[in-house]
Amino acid sequence: MLDRDGFRPNVGIILLNQRSQVFWGKRIRTHSWQFPQGGIDRGENPEQAMFRELHEEVGLLPQHVQVLARTRDWLRYEVPDRFIRRDARGHYKGQKQIWFLLQLVGHDWDLNLRATDHPEFDAWRWNDYWVPLDVVVEFKRGVYEMALTELARFVPRADHRFDPKPDHRNRYLRGGMRQRDPADALPGEPGARGPGMPGASFELPPGATFEPDPQTSLTAGPRNDKHDN
């Protein structure tokens, strides 16, 4: 379903935990990380599409989250021709997205990357709000920055580490660079104690694995990313 300008309606999801960190998912069988997102089906409004995608991609239900805010208008990005199927070239131009900011009111173990038979992610972690955009496919980075900036004022300020006005000169380097004591790490963060280790008090959610910091171990893989979803 395309609009008259060739953009497919889509939703994006920024999911916060209680420390104002965001869900950061690794696209299945790629080295590309991103937020959950997906197309709006015919007959759906953006909020209905958001809750459907939330369940399909990360296994959460409406009772697991609180909607904090959404972008005022569509945010658009164009997809380079080399990423568009040949039969869609000349018709499909890119995505127009409404972004939602959600607060997780459930638990980490409520997340399930295998909620459907067609998973989008094969790993996830919590990341500082200003995510490292250099692991996002290049043509999406502008929309990510616009969405994060517009929604930043709605992020709960309980976490004193949250910076609503980051230094954008370093925006690609902000996430996960600080060294922390393993005892203070949340499940899914680098350095967190795993199951069976002293002090462990959690289990991995179904279908979840945890990767090292993507800034130091991964690079974006745009040719393998699924861009029409």
C-alpha atoms as a PDB file:
ATOM      1  CA  MET A   1       0.000   0.000   0.000  1.00  0.00           C
ATOM      2  CA  LEU A   2       1.700   3.173  -1.237  1.00  0.00           C
ATOM      3  CA  ASP A   3       0.613   6.780  -1.087  1.00  0.00           C
ATOM      4  CA  ARG A   4       0.497   8.851  -4.266  1.00  0.00           C
ATOM      5  CA  ASP A   5       4.134   9.897  -3.765  1.00  0.00           C
ATOM      6  CA  GLY A   6       5.361   6.305  -3.558  1.00  0.00           C
ATOM      7  CA  PHE A   7       5.881   6.086   0.212  1.00  0.00           C
ATOM      8  CA  ARG A   8       4.661   3.115   2.211  1.00  0.00           C
ATOM      9  CA  PRO A   9       2.937   3.984   5.549  1.00  0.00           C
ATOM     10  CA  ASN A  10       4.915   2.511   8.420  1.00  0.00           C
ATOM     11  CA  VAL A  11       5.344   2.695  12.202  1.00  0.00           C
ATOM     12  CA  GLY A  12       8.506   2.766  14.287  1.00  0.00           C
ATOM     13  CA  ILE A  13       8.787   1.847  17.972  1.00  0.00           C
ATOM     14  CA  ILE A  14      11.155   3.193  20.630  1.00  0.00           C
ATOM     15  CA  LEU A  15      10.676   0.970  23.684  1.00  0.00           C
ATOM     16  CA  LEU A  16      12.063   2.181  27.027  1.00  0.00           C
ATOM     17  CA  ASN A  17      12.916   0.214  30.147  1.00  0.00           C
ATOM     18  CA  GLN A  18      12.824   1.684  33.658  1.00  0.00           C
ATOM     19  CA  ARG A  19      16.296   3.192  33.198  1.00  0.00           C
ATOM     20  CA  SER A  20      15.265   5.077  30.052  1.00  0.00           C
ATOM     21  CA  GLN A  21      17.299   2.701  27.923  1.00  0.00           C
ATOM     22  CA  VAL A  22      15.902   1.559  24.584  1.00  0.00           C
ATOM     23  CA  PHE A  23      15.296  -1.857  23.054  1.00  0.00           C
ATOM     24  CA  TRP A  24      17.913  -2.403  20.356  1.00  0.00           C
ATOM     25  CA  GLY A  25      17.392  -5.396  18.056  1.00  0.00           C
ATOM     26  CA  LYS A  26      19.821  -7.153  15.705  1.00  0.00           C
ATOM     27  CA  ARG A  27      18.213  -7.994  12.370  1.00  0.00           C
ATOM     28  CA  ILE A  28      18.114 -11.730  11.851  1.00  0.00           C
ATOM     29  CA  ARG A  29      21.224 -13.112  10.133  1.00  0.00           C
ATOM     30  CA  THR A  30      22.761  -9.633   9.675  1.00  0.00           C
ATOM     31  CA  HIS A  31      25.070  -7.300  11.577  1.00  0.00           C
ATOM     32  CA  SER A  32      22.545  -4.451  11.393  1.00  0.00           C
ATOM     33  CA  TRP A  33      20.775  -3.158  14.508  1.00  0.00           C
ATOM     34  CA  GLN A  34      17.535  -1.191  14.608  1.00  0.00           C
ATOM     35  CA  PHE A  35      14.283  -0.391  16.407  1.00  0.00           C
ATOM     36  CA  PRO A  36      11.143  -2.451  15.758  1.00  0.00           C
ATOM     37  CA  GLN A  37       9.187  -1.163  12.778  1.00  0.00           C
ATOM     38  CA  GLY A  38       6.695  -2.388  10.202  1.00  0.00           C
ATOM     39  CA  GLY A  39       4.113  -1.458   7.604  1.00  0.00           C
ATOM     40  CA  ILE A  40       0.570  -0.270   8.267  1.00  0.00           C
ATOM     41  CA  ASP A  41      -1.922  -2.704   6.757  1.00  0.00           C
ATOM     42  CA  ARG A  42      -5.034  -1.564   4.902  1.00  0.00           C
ATOM     43  CA  GLY A  43      -7.759  -0.671   7.408  1.00  0.00           C
ATOM     44  CA  GLU A  44      -5.329  -0.108  10.307  1.00  0.00           C
ATOM     45  CA  ASN A  45      -4.556   3.186  11.998  1.00  0.00           C
ATOM     46  CA  PRO A  46      -0.957   3.827  13.165  1.00  0.00           C
ATOM     47  CA  GLU A  47      -1.629   2.799  16.789  1.00  0.00           C
ATOM     48  CA  GLN A  48      -3.237  -0.490  15.761  1.00  0.00           C
ATOM     49  CA  ALA A  49      -0.287  -1.222  13.481  1.00  0.00           C
ATOM     50  CA  MET A  50       2.137  -0.360  16.281  1.00  0.00           C
ATOM     51  CA  PHE A  51       0.580  -2.865  18.713  1.00  0.00           C
ATOM     52  CA  ARG A  52       0.514  -5.566  16.023  1.00  0.00           C
ATOM     53  CA  GLU A  53       4.169  -5.001  15.140  1.00  0.00           C
ATOM     54  CA  LEU A  54       5.098  -4.846  18.821  1.00  0.00           C
ATOM     55  CA  HIS A  55       3.753  -8.361  19.297  1.00  0.00           C
ATOM     56  CA  GLU A  56       5.046  -9.769  16.012  1.00  0.00           C
ATOM     57  CA  GLU A  57       8.593  -8.486  16.459  1.00  0.00           C
ATOM     58  CA  VAL A  58       9.201  -8.561  20.220  1.00  0.00           C
ATOM     59  CA  GLY A  59       6.291 -10.568  21.637  1.00  0.00           C
ATOM     60  CA  LEU A  60       4.770  -7.827  23.815  1.00  0.00           C
ATOM     61  CA  LEU A  61       1.044  -7.192  24.332  1.00  0.00           C
ATOM     62  CA  PRO A  62      -0.695  -3.853  25.021  1.00  0.00           C
ATOM     63  CA  GLN A  63      -0.762  -4.553  28.765  1.00  0.00           C
ATOM     64  CA  HIS A  64       3.040  -4.787  28.803  1.00  0.00           C
ATOM     65  CA  VAL A  65       3.571  -1.164  27.725  1.00  0.00           C
ATOM     66  CA  GLN A  66       2.415   2.408  28.242  1.00  0.00           C
ATOM     67  CA  VAL A  67       2.254   4.784  25.274  1.00  0.00           C
ATOM     68  CA  LEU A  68       4.153   7.949  26.205  1.00  0.00           C
ATOM     69  CA  ALA A  69       4.114   9.877  22.927  1.00  0.00           C
ATOM     70  CA  ARG A  70       4.140   9.714  19.138  1.00  0.00           C
ATOM     71  CA  THR A  71       5.605  11.929  16.443  1.00  0.00           C
ATOM     72  CA  ARG A  72       3.348  14.734  15.294  1.00  0.00           C
ATOM     73  CA  ASP A  73       3.658  13.953  11.603  1.00  0.00           C
ATOM     74  CA  TRP A  74       5.129  11.460   9.155  1.00  0.00           C
ATOM     75  CA  LEU A  75       8.903  11.136   9.007  1.00  0.00           C
ATOM     76  CA  ARG A  76      10.125  10.010   5.580  1.00  0.00           C
ATOM     77  CA  TYR A  77      13.171   8.324   4.146  1.00  0.00           C
ATOM     78  CA  GLU A  78      13.918   7.282   0.584  1.00  0.00           C
ATOM     79  CA  VAL A  79      15.329   3.849  -0.241  1.00  0.00           C
ATOM     80  CA  PRO A  80      18.177   3.769  -2.798  1.00  0.00           C
ATOM     81  CA  ASP A  81      17.295   2.008  -6.053  1.00  0.00           C
ATOM     82  CA  ARG A  82      19.767  -0.807  -5.419  1.00  0.00           C
ATOM     83  CA  PHE A  83      17.691  -1.922  -2.419  1.00  0.00           C
ATOM     84  CA  ILE A  84      14.348  -1.865  -4.270  1.00  0.00           C
ATOM     85  CA  ARG A  85      13.011  -4.878  -6.132  1.00  0.00           C
ATOM     86  CA  ARG A  86      13.234  -4.373  -9.869  1.00  0.00           C
ATOM     87  CA  ASP A  87       9.472  -4.720 -10.356  1.00  0.00           C
ATOM     88  CA  ALA A  88       8.832  -1.967  -7.776  1.00  0.00           C
ATOM     89  CA  ARG A  89      11.259   0.596  -9.172  1.00  0.00           C
ATOM     90  CA  GLY A  90       9.506   3.685 -10.441  1.00  0.00           C
ATOM     91  CA  HIS A  91       6.601   3.112  -8.031  1.00  0.00           C
ATOM     92  CA  TYR A  92       8.057   2.501  -4.571  1.00  0.00           C
ATOM     93  CA  LYS A  93      10.121   5.396  -3.216  1.00  0.00           C
ATOM     94  CA  GLY A  94      10.543   4.710   0.500  1.00  0.00           C
ATOM     95  CA  GLN A  95       8.830   4.813   3.894  1.00  0.00           C
ATOM     96  CA  LYS A  96       6.806   7.388   5.765  1.00  0.00           C
ATOM     97  CA  GLN A  97       6.671   6.620   9.470  1.00  0.00           C
ATOM     98  CA  ILE A  98       4.831   7.538  12.639  1.00  0.00           C
ATOM     99  CA  TRP A  99       7.107   6.826  15.609  1.00  0.00           C
ATOM    100  CA  PHE A 100       5.835   5.798  19.050  1.00  0.00           C
ATOM    101  CA  LEU A 101       7.629   6.090  22.394  1.00  0.00           C
ATOM    102  CA  LEU A 102       6.630   3.269  24.755  1.00  0.00           C
ATOM    103  CA  GLN A 103       7.437   2.505  28.380  1.00  0.00           C
ATOM    104  CA  LEU A 104       7.819  -1.158  29.316  1.00  0.00           C
ATOM    105  CA  VAL A 105       5.658  -1.813  32.374  1.00  0.00           C
ATOM    106  CA  GLY A 106       6.135  -5.573  32.178  1.00  0.00           C
ATOM    107  CA  HIS A 107       9.389  -7.468  32.583  1.00  0.00           C
ATOM    108  CA  ASP A 108      12.361  -8.395  30.407  1.00  0.00           C
ATOM    109  CA  TRP A 109      11.143 -11.977  30.315  1.00  0.00           C
ATOM    110  CA  ASP A 110       7.914 -10.833  28.616  1.00  0.00           C
ATOM    111  CA  LEU A 111       9.918 -10.146  25.449  1.00  0.00           C
ATOM    112  CA  ASN A 112       9.874 -12.990  22.941  1.00  0.00           C
ATOM    113  CA  LEU A 113      11.685 -12.792  19.614  1.00  0.00           C
ATOM    114  CA  ARG A 114       9.941 -15.977  18.443  1.00  0.00           C
ATOM    115  CA  ALA A 115       6.341 -14.809  18.842  1.00  0.00           C
ATOM    116  CA  THR A 116       5.720 -15.592  15.144  1.00  0.00           C
ATOM    117  CA  ASP A 117       7.118 -18.013  12.576  1.00  0.00           C
ATOM    118  CA  HIS A 118       8.894 -15.138  10.814  1.00  0.00           C
ATOM    119  CA  PRO A 119      11.131 -13.437  13.407  1.00  0.00           C
ATOM    120  CA  GLU A 120      12.726 -10.086  12.591  1.00  0.00           C
ATOM    121  CA  PHE A 121      15.480 -10.181  15.236  1.00  0.00           C
ATOM    122  CA  ASP A 122      17.842 -12.859  16.505  1.00  0.00           C
ATOM    123  CA  ALA A 123      19.360 -10.857  19.386  1.00  0.00           C
ATOM    124  CA  TRP A 124      18.548  -7.819  21.487  1.00  0.00           C
ATOM    125  CA  ARG A 125      19.949  -5.609  24.218  1.00  0.00           C
ATOM    126  CA  TRP A 126      19.125  -2.463  26.180  1.00  0.00           C
ATOM    127  CA  ASN A 127      21.088   0.548  24.934  1.00  0.00           C
ATOM    128  CA  ASP A 128      21.459   4.145  26.031  1.00  0.00           C
ATOM    129  CA  TYR A 129      18.740   6.349  24.502  1.00  0.00           C
ATOM    130  CA  TRP A 130      21.078   8.010  21.988  1.00  0.00           C
ATOM    131  CA  VAL A 131      21.805   4.845  20.054  1.00  0.00           C
ATOM    132  CA  PRO A 132      24.940   4.362  17.915  1.00  0.00           C
ATOM    133  CA  LEU A 133      23.581   5.255  14.492  1.00  0.00           C
ATOM    134  CA  ASP A 134      26.621   3.911  12.676  1.00  0.00           C
ATOM    135  CA  VAL A 135      25.169   0.390  13.035  1.00  0.00           C
ATOM    136  CA  VAL A 136      21.906   1.522  11.364  1.00  0.00           C
ATOM    137  CA  VAL A 137      21.695   1.304   7.572  1.00  0.00           C
ATOM    138  CA  GLU A 138      22.797   4.712   6.309  1.00  0.00           C
ATOM    139  CA  PHE A 139      19.602   5.930   4.641  1.00  0.00           C
ATOM    140  CA  LYS A 140      17.581   5.421   7.860  1.00  0.00           C
ATOM    141  CA  ARG A 141      19.892   7.424  10.117  1.00  0.00           C
ATOM    142  CA  GLY A 142      18.252  10.790   9.486  1.00  0.00           C
ATOM    143  CA  VAL A 143      14.800   9.499  10.451  1.00  0.00           C
ATOM    144  CA  TYR A 144      16.221   7.833  13.574  1.00  0.00           C
ATOM    145  CA  GLU A 145      17.803  11.094  14.664  1.00  0.00           C
ATOM    146  CA  MET A 146      14.598  13.051  13.988  1.00  0.00           C
ATOM    147  CA  ALA A 147      12.441  10.554  15.910  1.00  0.00           C
ATOM    148  CA  LEU A 148      14.806  10.365  18.897  1.00  0.00           C
ATOM    149  CA  THR A 149      15.107  14.149  19.039  1.00  0.00           C
ATOM    150  CA  GLU A 150      11.361  14.837  18.779  1.00  0.00           C
ATOM    151  CA  LEU A 151      10.440  12.248  21.406  1.00  0.00           C
ATOM    152  CA  ALA A 152      13.303  12.929  23.834  1.00  0.00           C
ATOM    153  CA  ARG A 153      11.280  15.449  25.860  1.00  0.00           C
ATOM    154  CA  PHE A 154       8.775  12.720  26.769  1.00  0.00           C
ATOM    155  CA  VAL A 155      11.390  10.358  28.228  1.00  0.00           C
ATOM    156  CA  PRO A 156      10.934  10.018  32.026  1.00  0.00           C
ATOM    157  CA  ARG A 157      13.674  11.899  33.842  1.00  0.00           C
ATOM    158  CA  ALA A 158      13.971   9.422  36.716  1.00  0.00           C
ATOM    159  CA  ASP A 159      17.275   8.282  35.218  1.00  0.00           C
ATOM    160  CA  HIS A 160      19.701  11.103  35.986  1.00  0.00           C
ATOM    161  CA  ARG A 161      22.014   9.870  33.232  1.00  0.00           C
ATOM    162  CA  PHE A 162      19.554  10.750  30.467  1.00  0.00           C
ATOM    163  CA  ASP A 163      20.770  13.731  28.459  1.00  0.00           C
ATOM    164  CA  PRO A 164      17.915  15.442  26.544  1.00  0.00           C
ATOM    165  CA  LYS A 165      20.392  17.595  24.597  1.00  0.00           C
ATOM    166  CA  PRO A 166      23.225  15.333  23.458  1.00  0.00           C
ATOM    167  CA  ASP A 167      26.340  16.492  21.675  1.00  0.00           C
ATOM    168  CA  HIS A 168      25.360  15.450  18.145  1.00  0.00           C
ATOM    169  CA  ARG A 169      28.992  15.602  17.046  1.00  0.00           C
ATOM    170  CA  ASN A 170      29.414  12.365  19.012  1.00  0.00           C
ATOM    171  CA  ARG A 171      25.991  10.863  18.412  1.00  0.00           C
ATOM    172  CA  TYR A 172      27.418   7.771  16.681  1.00  0.00           C
ATOM    173  CA  LEU A 173      29.547   7.011  19.735  1.00  0.00           C
ATOM    174  CA  ARG A 174      27.144   7.502  22.618  1.00  0.00           C
ATOM    175  CA  GLY A 175      25.759   4.021  23.286  1.00  0.00           C
ATOM    176  CA  GLY A 176      27.436   1.469  25.500  1.00  0.00           C
ATOM    177  CA  MET A 177      30.836   3.142  25.850  1.00  0.00           C
ATOM    178  CA  ARG A 178      30.769   3.606  29.620  1.00  0.00           C
ATOM    179  CA  GLN A 179      32.353   0.862  31.730  1.00  0.00           C
ATOM    180  CA  ARG A 180      30.075  -0.403  34.484  1.00  0.00           C
ATOM    181  CA  ASP A 181      30.310  -2.796  37.362  1.00  0.00           C
ATOM    182  CA  PRO A 182      28.786  -6.169  36.328  1.00  0.00           C
ATOM    183  CA  ALA A 183      26.738  -6.120  39.521  1.00  0.00           C
ATOM    184  CA  ASP A 184      24.954  -2.980  38.285  1.00  0.00           C
ATOM    185  CA  ALA A 185      24.232  -4.255  34.776  1.00  0.00           C
ATOM    186  CA  LEU A 186      20.715  -5.109  33.687  1.00  0.00           C
ATOM    187  CA  PRO A 187      19.918  -8.432  32.005  1.00  0.00           C
ATOM    188  CA  GLY A 188      20.949  -8.029  28.399  1.00  0.00           C
ATOM    189  CA  GLU A 189      23.579  -5.390  28.989  1.00  0.00           C
ATOM    190  CA  PRO A 190      27.243  -6.102  28.337  1.00  0.00           C
ATOM    191  CA  GLY A 191      28.794  -7.418  31.533  1.00  0.00           C
ATOM    192  CA  ALA A 192      25.536  -8.641  33.066  1.00  0.00           C
ATOM    193  CA  ARG A 193      25.834 -11.866  35.012  1.00  0.00           C
ATOM    194  CA  GLY A 194      24.421 -14.742  33.053  1.00  0.00           C
ATOM    195  CA  PRO A 195      22.364 -17.711  34.243  1.00  0.00           C
ATOM    196  CA  GLY A 196      24.343 -19.932  36.537  1.00  0.00           C
ATOM    197  CA  MET A 197      26.830 -17.212  37.532  1.00  0.00           C
ATOM    198  CA  PRO A 198      27.049 -15.916  41.116  1.00  0.00           C
ATOM    199  CA  GLY A 199      24.357 -13.382  41.808  1.00  0.00           C
ATOM    200  CA  ALA A 200      22.268 -14.312  38.751  1.00  0.00           C
ATOM    201  CA  SER A 201      18.565 -13.649  39.253  1.00  0.00           C
ATOM    202  CA  PHE A 202      17.172 -13.814  35.718  1.00  0.00           C
ATOM    203  CA  GLU A 203      16.734 -16.069  32.729  1.00  0.00           C
ATOM    204  CA  LEU A 204      16.940 -15.125  29.069  1.00  0.00           C
ATOM    205  CA  PRO A 205      13.549 -14.405  27.460  1.00  0.00           C
ATOM    206  CA  PRO A 206      12.407 -17.014  24.915  1.00  0.00           C
ATOM    207  CA  GLY A 207      14.315 -16.711  21.676  1.00  0.00           C
ATOM    208  CA  ALA A 208      16.660 -14.020  23.004  1.00  0.00           C
ATOM    209  CA  THR A 209      20.438 -13.945  22.910  1.00  0.00           C
ATOM    210  CA  PHE A 210      22.697 -11.124  23.933  1.00  0.00           C
ATOM    211  CA  GLU A 211      25.506  -9.827  21.743  1.00  0.00           C
ATOM    212  CA  PRO A 212      28.594  -7.767  22.627  1.00  0.00           C
ATOM    213  CA  ASP A 213      28.400  -4.024  22.213  1.00  0.00           C
ATOM    214  CA  PRO A 214      27.590  -3.491  18.497  1.00  0.00           C
ATOM    215  CA  GLN A 215      29.877  -0.452  18.347  1.00  0.00           C
ATOM    216  CA  THR A 216      32.974  -2.496  18.969  1.00  0.00           C
ATOM    217  CA  SER A 217      32.088  -5.785  17.311  1.00  0.00           C
ATOM    218  CA  LEU A 218      29.628  -5.100  14.509  1.00  0.00           C
ATOM    219  CA  THR A 219      29.300  -2.996  11.408  1.00  0.00           C
ATOM    220  CA  ALA A 220      26.165  -2.201   9.456  1.00  0.00           C
ATOM    221  CA  GLY A 221      25.156  -4.640   6.755  1.00  0.00           C
ATOM    222  CA  PRO A 222      22.796  -2.686   4.502  1.00  0.00           C
ATOM    223  CA  ARG A 223      22.668  -5.158   1.663  1.00  0.00           C
ATOM    224  CA  ASN A 224      21.199  -7.835   3.922  1.00  0.00           C
ATOM    225  CA  ASP A 225      18.685  -5.599   5.692  1.00  0.00           C
ATOM    226  CA  LYS A 226      14.989  -5.904   4.931  1.00  0.00           C
ATOM    227  CA  HIS A 227      14.020  -2.357   4.015  1.00  0.00           C
ATOM    228  CA  ASP A 228      10.429  -2.676   2.819  1.00  0.00           C
ATOM    229  CA  ASN A 229       9.044  -3.673   6.206  1.00  0.00           C
END
